[in-house]
Amino acid sequence: MNKNEIDKIKSKRTIAIISHPDAGKTTLTEQFLLRGGAINVAGKVKAKTGAKNTKSDFLKIEQERGISISASALSFNFKCLNFNLVDTPGHSDFSEDTYRALSAVDSSIMIIDGAKGIESQTKKLFEVCRLRDMPIMTFCNKMDRESRDLLEIIDEIQEQLAIDVAPLSWPVGIGQNFKGVYNILKDEYEIFESKSRHMSQNITIKGLHNDQIKTFLSPELRSKFFEEYELITSLLPKFDKKPFREGSLTPIHFGSALKSLGVDQLLDNIGGFAPSPGNFETETRIIKAEESKVSGFVFKIQANTDMKHRDRVAFTRLSSGHFKKGMKLYHSRLNKYITISNPIMFFGQDRDTTDEAYAGDIIGIPNHGTLRIGDSLSEGEKIKFKNLPSFAPEILRSISCPDPLKSKHLDKALSQFAEEGLASLFKTLIGARWIIGVVGKLQFDVLESRIQHEYGLQIKYEKTNFFTARWLSGDEILINELVNKNKEQIAIDYDGKKVFLARIQWDIDRLGKDFPGVKLNKVKNFSF
């Protein structure tokens, strides 16, 4: 790989945003796109008639409810760097989609609501990032609203997440008194000035003790700010790039995504400190981004992003090399080469065909079922990437179509959504019923909405006697014996794998004793 190609890879930042629902993730995403010149006006999360929906939310139910429930990839440029941003679902019911999305990035931004601090979903997603020692930047949002004591929030981060915190900015006032933020690294203020009800601007003032700041801040507010600033600089560690890259320190920024304060500082520091595309672990070796040969893996499938063409797009993270349009890549699972003739780069629901891409980029590969989650692509090497699991569902329902003449259409729709990883799909050996398995109840609503919107089908859910599923692995003779003795509780999943449907925990314990040579797996690895 030549120097120009290596420089291209080093200029990339592939990042994800993690947060609890309603912490401001989608609003911050749109502020990023605004700065990257990708959009002209930031959208509203909950759009009224005539207002623009957020660009990262492209499913109809996302636009109606104002939440992100599907990972999307967005590409934009900012100050000579190329950002690939994965906007993950904030809702806990879609944690599996989020887990896979986090496997495809090199660093992440953790958003915290200043009024709420560390919330349950934030903590869960942080732990996923920690499994990979991923560098994490923190953005404490909504400083324009009433907030908890900021030192309490920092203590909470350090205690609950077991990570050091180094402030890179500090707010000037909070809530109604919020005037802006002070950039510690650049020694400058970013002050919000409201000129009228519909006009405002951000003013930069250089120097911590610049007299110009007196024009915008009252004596009381200045006094309180300097008192807090002296306290944090004496008590908290200074930012150090090495522990940040190792995942043991998180730099914290303060601001308001809605008022566009602190966002530039955050983007600047991601560009300056977050790592460029790094190495990826496979079952046989470590793949380095600067390797000359192309490799990558599919971490998400999205169907019907373009309703006119009934498309199916595989979100693919390139882990090495310089990809060019029209390349033939080796498909490890199918043991054959496929031609990538129309690769696309994402921008929410919009996309553009791209002629080339590099390690760190996320490209879309249109296909008709050839690619699935976990599939590996290369220039000839048979590889399998790690860390792309599917979790055992926690809620199971049978699903049917009231109109028997449309049952084949339902079969097609369910197969497609199972391929996406939206839900686990099982067909029972006895009765050949469709059983849908999900992690959270909201997934049922999404599935119903999409089947109705994309296929024009009405569906009906019914409760089952089953509470979870376990994938079977081990000695094939023993598996067949287990299946023959428990046919009423056996199903086949979308990939043709045998699954045991448990009614109560006792069922699982019983099989463990009766068939010690068979594993009952809570997690199904896509390369298994």
Protein backbone atom coordinates (compact mmCIF):
# COMPACT_ATOMS: atom_id res chain seq x y z
CA MET A 1 0.00 0.00 0.00
CA ASN A 2 1.46 3.37 -1.02
CA LYS A 3 1.81 6.49 1.20
CA ASN A 4 -1.24 8.21 -0.30
CA GLU A 5 -3.45 5.21 0.48
CA ILE A 6 -2.09 4.95 4.04
CA ASP A 7 -2.73 8.69 4.56
CA LYS A 8 -6.32 8.20 3.39
CA ILE A 9 -6.84 5.49 5.99
CA LYS A 10 -5.24 7.59 8.74
CA SER A 11 -7.61 10.46 7.93
CA LYS A 12 -10.67 8.34 8.77
CA ARG A 13 -12.55 8.18 12.06
CA THR A 14 -15.14 5.41 12.36
CA ILE A 15 -17.23 6.12 15.43
CA ALA A 16 -20.53 5.24 17.11
CA ILE A 17 -22.74 7.24 19.44
CA ILE A 18 -24.11 5.47 22.51
CA SER A 19 -26.67 6.78 24.99
CA HIS A 20 -29.86 6.11 26.90
CA PRO A 21 -33.03 7.03 24.95
CA ASP A 22 -33.77 10.77 24.84
CA ALA A 23 -30.27 11.89 25.85
CA GLY A 24 -29.92 13.81 22.57
CA LYS A 25 -28.13 11.29 20.35
CA THR A 26 -30.03 12.01 17.14
CA THR A 27 -29.85 15.78 17.69
CA LEU A 28 -26.07 15.57 18.09
CA THR A 29 -25.83 13.40 14.97
CA GLU A 30 -27.59 16.08 12.93
CA GLN A 31 -25.28 18.77 14.31
CA PHE A 32 -22.33 16.70 13.09
CA LEU A 33 -23.86 16.41 9.62
CA LEU A 34 -24.55 20.14 9.58
CA ARG A 35 -20.90 20.89 10.28
CA GLY A 36 -19.78 18.39 7.67
CA GLY A 37 -21.85 20.17 5.03
CA ALA A 38 -24.00 17.08 4.56
CA ILE A 39 -27.23 18.97 5.36
CA ASN A 40 -28.22 22.62 5.38
CA VAL A 41 -30.68 22.61 8.27
CA ALA A 42 -30.77 20.30 11.30
CA GLY A 43 -34.05 18.38 11.47
CA LYS A 44 -36.42 17.97 14.35
CA VAL A 45 -36.49 14.67 16.20
CA LYS A 46 -40.27 14.69 16.37
CA ALA A 47 -41.33 16.26 13.12
CA LYS A 48 -44.62 18.09 12.82
CA THR A 49 -46.47 18.36 9.53
CA GLY A 50 -44.11 19.88 7.01
CA ALA A 51 -41.04 19.65 9.24
CA LYS A 52 -38.03 17.59 8.30
CA ASN A 53 -37.35 14.24 9.95
CA THR A 54 -33.89 13.41 11.24
CA LYS A 55 -31.70 12.06 8.46
CA SER A 56 -30.44 9.08 10.45
CA ASP A 57 -33.98 7.80 11.12
CA PHE A 58 -35.24 6.28 7.89
CA LEU A 59 -37.84 3.74 9.05
CA LYS A 60 -41.43 5.01 9.12
CA ILE A 61 -41.92 4.00 12.76
CA GLU A 62 -38.72 5.87 13.72
CA GLN A 63 -40.04 9.05 12.12
CA GLU A 64 -43.44 8.66 13.80
CA ARG A 65 -42.12 7.98 17.31
CA GLY A 66 -39.02 10.16 17.20
CA ILE A 67 -36.63 7.40 18.29
CA SER A 68 -33.75 5.57 16.65
CA ILE A 69 -34.44 1.84 16.50
CA SER A 70 -32.17 0.75 13.67
CA ALA A 71 -28.44 1.30 13.26
CA SER A 72 -27.65 3.55 10.32
CA ALA A 73 -24.33 4.64 8.81
CA LEU A 74 -23.56 8.23 7.87
CA SER A 75 -20.47 9.57 6.14
CA PHE A 76 -19.30 13.20 6.21
CA ASN A 77 -16.12 15.30 6.05
CA PHE A 78 -14.90 17.79 8.64
CA LYS A 79 -11.60 19.71 8.60
CA CYS A 80 -9.72 17.39 6.22
CA LEU A 81 -10.93 14.25 8.02
CA ASN A 82 -13.50 11.72 6.87
CA PHE A 83 -15.98 10.57 9.53
CA ASN A 84 -17.98 7.36 9.32
CA LEU A 85 -20.64 7.66 12.00
CA VAL A 86 -22.77 4.72 13.09
CA ASP A 87 -25.96 6.00 14.73
CA THR A 88 -27.03 3.15 16.99
CA PRO A 89 -30.47 2.47 18.49
CA GLY A 90 -30.82 4.00 21.93
CA HIS A 91 -33.72 1.81 22.98
CA SER A 92 -32.70 -1.22 25.05
CA ASP A 93 -35.04 -3.51 23.08
CA PHE A 94 -32.62 -3.21 20.14
CA SER A 95 -29.43 -3.93 22.06
CA GLU A 96 -28.43 -6.75 19.69
CA ASP A 97 -28.37 -4.42 16.67
CA THR A 98 -26.35 -1.96 18.75
CA TYR A 99 -23.89 -4.65 19.86
CA ARG A 100 -23.13 -5.59 16.26
CA ALA A 101 -22.82 -1.94 15.23
CA LEU A 102 -20.27 -1.35 17.99
CA SER A 103 -18.19 -4.23 16.61
CA ALA A 104 -17.70 -2.20 13.43
CA VAL A 105 -16.27 1.04 14.92
CA ASP A 106 -12.94 2.14 16.39
CA SER A 107 -14.19 4.54 19.07
CA SER A 108 -17.43 5.89 20.48
CA ILE A 109 -19.10 8.96 21.96
CA MET A 110 -21.09 8.47 25.14
CA ILE A 111 -23.86 11.04 25.60
CA ILE A 112 -25.13 11.77 29.10
CA ASP A 113 -28.20 13.81 29.97
CA GLY A 114 -27.04 16.44 32.49
CA ALA A 115 -30.26 16.09 34.48
CA LYS A 116 -30.10 12.28 34.73
CA GLY A 117 -26.46 11.22 34.73
CA ILE A 118 -25.57 7.58 34.02
CA GLU A 119 -28.70 5.65 32.98
CA SER A 120 -29.22 1.91 32.57
CA GLN A 121 -28.84 1.63 28.79
CA THR A 122 -25.78 3.90 28.82
CA LYS A 123 -24.15 1.60 31.35
CA LYS A 124 -24.94 -1.52 29.29
CA LEU A 125 -23.55 -0.02 26.09
CA PHE A 126 -20.45 1.23 27.90
CA GLU A 127 -19.74 -2.34 29.05
CA VAL A 128 -19.98 -3.54 25.44
CA CYS A 129 -17.39 -0.92 24.45
CA ARG A 130 -15.19 -1.98 27.34
CA LEU A 131 -15.06 -5.56 26.03
CA ARG A 132 -12.94 -4.18 23.18
CA ASP A 133 -11.08 -1.58 25.31
CA MET A 134 -12.62 0.97 22.97
CA PRO A 135 -11.69 4.67 23.41
CA ILE A 136 -14.76 6.60 24.61
CA MET A 137 -15.37 10.34 24.58
CA THR A 138 -18.15 11.69 26.80
CA PHE A 139 -20.52 14.54 25.98
CA CYS A 140 -22.66 15.82 28.85
CA ASN A 141 -25.65 17.26 27.00
CA LYS A 142 -28.54 19.62 27.77
CA MET A 143 -26.59 22.21 29.76
CA ASP A 144 -29.26 24.70 28.67
CA ARG A 145 -31.66 22.85 31.00
CA GLU A 146 -31.53 22.36 34.74
CA SER A 147 -28.83 19.84 35.57
CA ARG A 148 -27.51 17.83 38.46
CA ASP A 149 -24.30 18.93 40.14
CA LEU A 150 -21.62 18.32 37.52
CA LEU A 151 -19.02 17.01 39.96
CA GLU A 152 -21.60 14.46 41.12
CA ILE A 153 -22.03 13.32 37.52
CA ILE A 154 -18.27 12.97 37.11
CA ASP A 155 -18.05 10.99 40.38
CA GLU A 156 -20.86 8.77 39.13
CA ILE A 157 -19.02 8.07 35.87
CA GLN A 158 -15.83 7.21 37.75
CA GLU A 159 -17.54 4.97 40.29
CA GLN A 160 -20.18 3.19 38.19
CA LEU A 161 -18.11 2.79 35.02
CA ALA A 162 -14.70 2.46 36.71
CA ILE A 163 -13.01 4.90 34.36
CA ASP A 164 -11.05 8.10 34.96
CA VAL A 165 -12.59 11.36 33.74
CA ALA A 166 -10.63 14.33 32.37
CA PRO A 167 -12.62 17.50 31.52
CA LEU A 168 -11.76 19.11 28.18
CA SER A 169 -14.42 21.80 28.57
CA TRP A 170 -16.58 23.30 31.29
CA PRO A 171 -19.97 25.01 31.05
CA VAL A 172 -20.42 28.68 31.85
CA GLY A 173 -23.68 28.60 33.78
CA ILE A 174 -26.41 25.95 33.70
CA GLY A 175 -30.11 25.97 32.77
CA GLN A 176 -31.51 29.49 32.33
CA ASN A 177 -28.07 30.90 33.16
CA PHE A 178 -26.26 28.80 30.53
CA LYS A 179 -24.12 31.17 28.46
CA GLY A 180 -21.63 28.86 26.78
CA VAL A 181 -18.62 26.59 27.35
CA TYR A 182 -14.95 27.12 28.02
CA ASN A 183 -12.55 25.04 25.88
CA ILE A 184 -9.75 24.02 28.26
CA LEU A 185 -7.33 22.85 25.54
CA LYS A 186 -7.72 25.93 23.34
CA ASP A 187 -8.13 28.39 26.24
CA GLU A 188 -11.19 30.03 24.71
CA TYR A 189 -14.85 30.59 25.43
CA GLU A 190 -17.72 29.74 23.09
CA ILE A 191 -20.51 32.09 24.14
CA PHE A 192 -24.11 31.88 22.97
CA GLU A 193 -25.62 35.25 22.09
CA SER A 194 -29.33 35.51 21.30
CA LYS A 195 -29.91 38.50 19.01
CA SER A 196 -33.65 37.97 18.73
CA ARG A 197 -36.25 35.23 19.07
CA HIS A 198 -35.21 33.67 15.75
CA MET A 199 -31.54 34.70 15.49
CA SER A 200 -28.50 33.73 17.53
CA GLN A 201 -24.76 33.32 17.11
CA ASN A 202 -21.83 31.77 18.92
CA ILE A 203 -18.99 34.16 19.81
CA THR A 204 -15.40 33.00 20.47
CA ILE A 205 -13.39 34.82 23.16
CA LYS A 206 -9.73 33.90 23.59
CA GLY A 207 -8.18 33.71 27.06
CA LEU A 208 -9.53 32.53 30.41
CA HIS A 209 -9.35 36.03 31.98
CA ASN A 210 -10.14 38.09 28.89
CA ASP A 211 -12.04 41.22 30.01
CA GLN A 212 -14.36 40.84 27.02
CA ILE A 213 -16.13 38.04 28.88
CA LYS A 214 -17.54 40.64 31.32
CA THR A 215 -19.81 41.88 28.53
CA PHE A 216 -21.68 38.57 28.48
CA LEU A 217 -21.42 37.26 32.06
CA SER A 218 -22.65 38.74 35.32
CA PRO A 219 -20.15 39.07 38.21
CA GLU A 220 -21.94 36.25 40.06
CA LEU A 221 -21.76 33.91 37.06
CA ARG A 222 -18.07 34.72 36.47
CA SER A 223 -17.26 34.10 40.13
CA LYS A 224 -19.07 30.76 40.17
CA PHE A 225 -17.40 29.63 36.93
CA PHE A 226 -13.86 30.46 38.13
CA GLU A 227 -14.52 28.71 41.43
CA GLU A 228 -15.66 25.53 39.64
CA TYR A 229 -12.79 25.75 37.15
CA GLU A 230 -10.15 25.94 39.89
CA LEU A 231 -11.79 22.99 41.64
CA ILE A 232 -11.88 20.66 38.63
CA THR A 233 -8.36 21.51 37.46
CA SER A 234 -6.99 20.72 40.93
CA LEU A 235 -9.05 17.59 41.63
CA LEU A 236 -9.39 15.84 38.26
CA PRO A 237 -6.66 14.33 36.06
CA LYS A 238 -5.41 16.14 33.00
CA PHE A 239 -6.18 14.63 29.62
CA ASP A 240 -3.64 12.09 28.40
CA LYS A 241 -3.95 10.52 24.96
CA LYS A 242 -2.40 7.18 25.95
CA PRO A 243 -4.93 6.08 28.64
CA PHE A 244 -7.74 7.43 26.46
CA ARG A 245 -6.63 5.19 23.58
CA GLU A 246 -6.35 2.27 26.02
CA GLY A 247 -9.92 2.81 27.23
CA SER A 248 -9.06 3.70 30.85
CA LEU A 249 -9.78 7.45 30.64
CA THR A 250 -12.67 9.33 29.07
CA PRO A 251 -12.39 13.03 28.20
CA ILE A 252 -15.64 14.80 29.08
CA HIS A 253 -17.17 17.71 27.15
CA PHE A 254 -20.14 19.84 28.16
CA GLY A 255 -22.63 21.60 25.92
CA SER A 256 -26.01 21.70 24.28
CA ALA A 257 -26.59 19.85 21.02
CA LEU A 258 -29.88 21.70 20.58
CA LYS A 259 -28.21 25.12 20.89
CA SER A 260 -25.15 23.95 18.96
CA LEU A 261 -22.73 24.73 21.80
CA GLY A 262 -19.73 22.50 22.48
CA VAL A 263 -20.27 20.45 19.33
CA ASP A 264 -17.28 21.89 17.43
CA GLN A 265 -15.00 21.18 20.37
CA LEU A 266 -16.21 17.59 20.49
CA LEU A 267 -15.65 17.05 16.75
CA ASP A 268 -12.21 18.69 16.90
CA ASN A 269 -11.14 16.39 19.71
CA ILE A 270 -12.48 13.27 18.02
CA GLY A 271 -10.44 14.22 14.97
CA GLY A 272 -7.35 14.97 17.04
CA PHE A 273 -7.38 12.13 19.56
CA ALA A 274 -9.67 9.28 18.44
CA PRO A 275 -7.82 6.49 16.62
CA SER A 276 -7.80 5.95 12.89
CA PRO A 277 -8.95 2.50 11.65
CA GLY A 278 -7.33 -0.21 13.75
CA ASN A 279 -6.81 -3.96 13.73
CA PHE A 280 -9.51 -6.64 13.69
CA GLU A 281 -9.38 -10.11 15.16
CA THR A 282 -10.35 -13.14 13.08
CA GLU A 283 -10.37 -16.81 14.04
CA THR A 284 -6.94 -17.29 12.43
CA ARG A 285 -5.05 -13.98 12.67
CA ILE A 286 -5.09 -10.22 13.27
CA ILE A 287 -5.92 -8.11 10.21
CA LYS A 288 -4.21 -4.70 10.01
CA ALA A 289 -5.86 -1.72 8.32
CA GLU A 290 -2.78 -0.91 6.22
CA GLU A 291 -2.64 -4.34 4.58
CA SER A 292 -2.74 -4.05 0.80
CA LYS A 293 -5.47 -6.64 0.28
CA VAL A 294 -9.12 -5.81 0.91
CA SER A 295 -11.09 -7.52 3.66
CA GLY A 296 -14.30 -6.72 5.54
CA PHE A 297 -17.38 -8.10 7.28
CA VAL A 298 -21.12 -7.60 7.17
CA PHE A 299 -22.47 -6.30 10.50
CA LYS A 300 -25.98 -5.33 9.43
CA ILE A 301 -28.56 -6.08 6.73
CA GLN A 302 -31.23 -3.52 5.92
CA ALA A 303 -34.10 -4.35 3.56
CA ASN A 304 -36.39 -1.96 1.73
CA THR A 305 -34.49 1.27 2.36
CA ASP A 306 -35.60 2.00 -1.21
CA MET A 307 -39.21 0.81 -1.45
CA LYS A 308 -39.30 1.22 -5.24
CA HIS A 309 -36.67 -1.45 -5.76
CA ARG A 310 -37.26 -3.77 -2.76
CA ASP A 311 -33.55 -3.59 -2.11
CA ARG A 312 -31.49 -5.46 0.46
CA VAL A 313 -28.28 -3.75 1.48
CA ALA A 314 -25.42 -5.27 3.47
CA PHE A 315 -23.63 -2.74 5.71
CA THR A 316 -19.99 -3.80 5.37
CA ARG A 317 -17.07 -2.52 7.44
CA LEU A 318 -13.84 -2.57 5.46
CA SER A 319 -11.08 -3.73 7.77
CA SER A 320 -8.14 -3.46 5.37
CA GLY A 321 -7.01 -2.40 1.93
CA HIS A 322 -8.17 -0.09 -0.86
CA PHE A 323 -11.49 -1.23 -2.29
CA LYS A 324 -12.45 -0.33 -5.88
CA LYS A 325 -15.80 -0.57 -7.58
CA GLY A 326 -16.17 -3.78 -9.61
CA MET A 327 -13.76 -5.81 -7.47
CA LYS A 328 -14.33 -9.54 -7.10
CA LEU A 329 -14.19 -10.54 -3.45
CA TYR A 330 -14.12 -14.00 -1.92
CA HIS A 331 -17.25 -14.87 0.08
CA SER A 332 -15.99 -17.19 2.86
CA ARG A 333 -19.33 -18.75 3.82
CA LEU A 334 -20.38 -19.57 0.24
CA ASN A 335 -16.81 -20.39 -0.84
CA LYS A 336 -17.09 -18.36 -4.04
CA TYR A 337 -16.22 -14.98 -5.52
CA ILE A 338 -18.84 -12.25 -5.93
CA THR A 339 -18.53 -9.03 -7.93
CA ILE A 340 -19.22 -5.80 -6.03
CA SER A 341 -20.54 -3.76 -8.94
CA ASN A 342 -22.64 -1.07 -7.20
CA PRO A 343 -21.11 -0.25 -3.80
CA ILE A 344 -22.78 2.67 -2.04
CA MET A 345 -21.92 5.11 0.74
CA PHE A 346 -24.68 5.93 3.20
CA PHE A 347 -26.31 9.14 4.25
CA GLY A 348 -29.31 7.98 6.28
CA GLN A 349 -31.95 7.04 3.72
CA ASP A 350 -29.92 8.67 0.93
CA ARG A 351 -27.02 6.96 -0.76
CA ASP A 352 -24.48 7.50 -3.53
CA THR A 353 -22.57 4.96 -5.58
CA THR A 354 -18.89 5.11 -4.71
CA ASP A 355 -15.93 4.23 -6.92
CA GLU A 356 -13.57 3.44 -4.06
CA ALA A 357 -13.34 3.02 -0.31
CA TYR A 358 -10.66 2.33 2.26
CA ALA A 359 -10.21 0.50 5.55
CA GLY A 360 -12.47 2.20 8.07
CA ASP A 361 -15.21 2.98 5.56
CA ILE A 362 -18.66 1.45 5.76
CA ILE A 363 -20.06 0.60 2.35
CA GLY A 364 -23.39 -0.80 1.33
CA ILE A 365 -23.51 -3.81 -0.96
CA PRO A 366 -26.91 -4.31 -2.66
CA ASN A 367 -27.72 -8.01 -2.97
CA HIS A 368 -30.59 -10.48 -3.11
CA GLY A 369 -29.84 -12.63 -0.09
CA THR A 370 -26.25 -13.51 -0.99
CA LEU A 371 -24.85 -11.68 2.04
CA ARG A 372 -25.86 -12.22 5.66
CA ILE A 373 -24.77 -10.79 9.01
CA GLY A 374 -21.33 -12.11 9.93
CA ASP A 375 -20.25 -12.89 6.36
CA SER A 376 -16.59 -12.18 5.59
CA LEU A 377 -15.22 -10.82 2.32
CA SER A 378 -11.61 -10.79 1.17
CA GLU A 379 -9.38 -10.91 -1.88
CA GLY A 380 -9.01 -14.67 -1.57
CA GLU A 381 -8.26 -15.51 2.06
CA LYS A 382 -10.79 -17.64 3.95
CA ILE A 383 -11.42 -15.65 7.12
CA LYS A 384 -14.05 -15.39 9.83
CA PHE A 385 -14.28 -12.28 11.96
CA LYS A 386 -15.10 -12.61 15.66
CA ASN A 387 -17.57 -10.82 17.96
CA LEU A 388 -20.77 -10.89 15.89
CA PRO A 389 -23.16 -12.93 18.04
CA SER A 390 -26.92 -13.42 18.08
CA PHE A 391 -28.50 -13.64 21.53
CA ALA A 392 -31.22 -15.98 22.72
CA PRO A 393 -34.64 -14.30 22.51
CA GLU A 394 -36.39 -13.42 25.76
CA ILE A 395 -39.94 -13.20 24.37
CA LEU A 396 -41.49 -15.69 21.93
CA ARG A 397 -44.74 -15.32 19.97
CA SER A 398 -46.33 -17.29 17.16
CA ILE A 399 -47.18 -15.20 14.13
CA SER A 400 -49.71 -15.73 11.36
CA CYS A 401 -51.56 -13.89 8.62
CA PRO A 402 -55.39 -13.75 8.96
CA ASP A 403 -55.65 -14.00 5.16
CA PRO A 404 -54.48 -17.55 4.27
CA LEU A 405 -54.03 -16.52 0.62
CA LYS A 406 -51.19 -14.24 1.67
CA SER A 407 -49.26 -16.75 3.75
CA LYS A 408 -46.47 -16.99 1.16
CA HIS A 409 -46.02 -13.21 1.30
CA LEU A 410 -45.68 -13.49 5.07
CA ASP A 411 -43.06 -16.23 4.67
CA LYS A 412 -41.04 -13.93 2.43
CA ALA A 413 -41.35 -10.96 4.79
CA LEU A 414 -40.33 -12.98 7.86
CA SER A 415 -37.35 -14.52 6.09
CA GLN A 416 -36.17 -11.06 5.09
CA PHE A 417 -36.45 -9.63 8.60
CA ALA A 418 -34.72 -12.67 10.09
CA GLU A 419 -31.89 -12.04 7.64
CA GLU A 420 -31.65 -8.47 8.94
CA GLY A 421 -31.33 -9.71 12.50
CA LEU A 422 -34.46 -7.78 13.50
CA ALA A 423 -35.86 -10.91 15.16
CA SER A 424 -35.10 -14.60 15.54
CA LEU A 425 -37.24 -16.77 13.29
CA PHE A 426 -38.05 -20.41 14.07
CA LYS A 427 -40.29 -22.98 12.37
CA THR A 428 -41.49 -25.79 14.63
CA LEU A 429 -40.95 -29.39 13.56
CA ILE A 430 -44.50 -30.28 14.57
CA GLY A 431 -47.19 -28.09 13.01
CA ALA A 432 -44.67 -26.00 11.03
CA ARG A 433 -45.66 -22.83 12.91
CA TRP A 434 -43.67 -19.63 12.65
CA ILE A 435 -42.28 -18.55 16.04
CA ILE A 436 -40.80 -15.07 16.38
CA GLY A 437 -38.25 -14.42 19.13
CA VAL A 438 -37.17 -10.96 20.28
CA VAL A 439 -35.15 -9.36 23.08
CA GLY A 440 -37.68 -6.56 23.78
CA LYS A 441 -41.40 -6.00 23.19
CA LEU A 442 -40.91 -2.92 21.00
CA GLN A 443 -39.41 -5.21 18.35
CA PHE A 444 -42.87 -6.75 17.85
CA ASP A 445 -44.30 -3.28 17.13
CA VAL A 446 -41.51 -2.55 14.64
CA LEU A 447 -41.98 -5.89 12.92
CA GLU A 448 -45.75 -5.38 12.62
CA SER A 449 -45.29 -1.81 11.34
CA ARG A 450 -42.75 -2.82 8.72
CA ILE A 451 -44.74 -5.85 7.50
CA GLN A 452 -47.79 -3.61 7.11
CA HIS A 453 -45.91 -0.70 5.54
CA GLU A 454 -43.53 -2.65 3.29
CA TYR A 455 -45.69 -5.65 2.36
CA GLY A 456 -49.27 -4.47 2.96
CA LEU A 457 -49.97 -7.44 5.24
CA GLN A 458 -51.97 -7.64 8.45
CA ILE A 459 -50.53 -10.05 11.02
CA LYS A 460 -51.62 -11.62 14.28
CA TYR A 461 -49.45 -12.47 17.29
CA GLU A 462 -50.37 -15.21 19.76
CA LYS A 463 -48.73 -16.24 22.99
CA THR A 464 -46.79 -19.50 23.08
CA ASN A 465 -45.82 -21.89 25.86
CA PHE A 466 -42.14 -21.13 25.24
CA PHE A 467 -40.05 -18.55 27.11
CA THR A 468 -36.66 -18.81 25.41
CA ALA A 469 -34.63 -20.71 22.82
CA ARG A 470 -31.29 -22.53 22.85
CA TRP A 471 -29.18 -23.43 19.82
CA LEU A 472 -27.93 -27.02 19.82
CA SER A 473 -24.33 -27.94 19.12
CA GLY A 474 -22.07 -30.92 19.79
CA ASP A 475 -22.14 -34.57 18.73
CA GLU A 476 -24.57 -34.92 15.80
CA ILE A 477 -25.76 -38.38 16.87
CA LEU A 478 -26.65 -37.09 20.34
CA ILE A 479 -28.35 -34.01 18.85
CA ASN A 480 -30.51 -36.25 16.64
CA GLU A 481 -31.42 -38.39 19.66
CA LEU A 482 -32.39 -35.29 21.63
CA VAL A 483 -34.49 -34.03 18.71
CA ASN A 484 -36.34 -37.35 18.32
CA LYS A 485 -37.24 -37.44 22.02
CA ASN A 486 -38.35 -33.77 22.19
CA LYS A 487 -39.89 -33.08 18.78
CA GLU A 488 -42.71 -30.93 20.19
CA GLN A 489 -40.07 -28.47 21.46
CA ILE A 490 -37.72 -28.47 18.47
CA ALA A 491 -37.61 -25.85 15.73
CA ILE A 492 -35.32 -24.91 12.85
CA ASP A 493 -33.98 -21.35 12.61
CA TYR A 494 -33.48 -19.24 9.49
CA ASP A 495 -30.00 -20.71 8.90
CA GLY A 496 -31.22 -24.29 9.24
CA LYS A 497 -29.81 -24.73 12.77
CA LYS A 498 -31.66 -26.91 15.27
CA VAL A 499 -33.14 -25.04 18.23
CA PHE A 500 -34.67 -26.19 21.51
CA LEU A 501 -37.66 -24.12 22.67
CA ALA A 502 -37.85 -24.16 26.45
CA ARG A 503 -41.12 -23.74 28.37
CA ILE A 504 -39.48 -23.29 31.78
CA GLN A 505 -35.92 -23.30 33.13
CA TRP A 506 -36.43 -26.90 34.27
CA ASP A 507 -36.53 -27.98 30.58
CA ILE A 508 -33.02 -26.62 30.05
CA ASP A 509 -31.70 -28.15 33.27
CA ARG A 510 -33.24 -31.54 32.36
CA LEU A 511 -31.62 -31.65 28.91
CA GLY A 512 -28.29 -30.69 30.43
CA LYS A 513 -28.45 -33.80 32.64
CA ASP A 514 -29.95 -36.16 30.03
CA PHE A 515 -27.65 -35.08 27.16
CA PRO A 516 -24.35 -33.84 28.62
CA GLY A 517 -22.72 -34.18 25.18
CA VAL A 518 -25.01 -31.51 23.68
CA LYS A 519 -24.47 -27.81 24.31
CA LEU A 520 -27.51 -25.56 24.80
CA ASN A 521 -26.17 -22.23 23.53
CA LYS A 522 -27.61 -18.87 24.67
CA VAL A 523 -25.50 -17.16 22.01
CA LYS A 524 -25.27 -18.13 18.38
CA ASN A 525 -22.12 -16.99 16.64
CA PHE A 526 -22.75 -16.13 13.01
CA SER A 527 -19.73 -18.21 11.96
CA PHE A 528 -20.91 -21.32 13.93
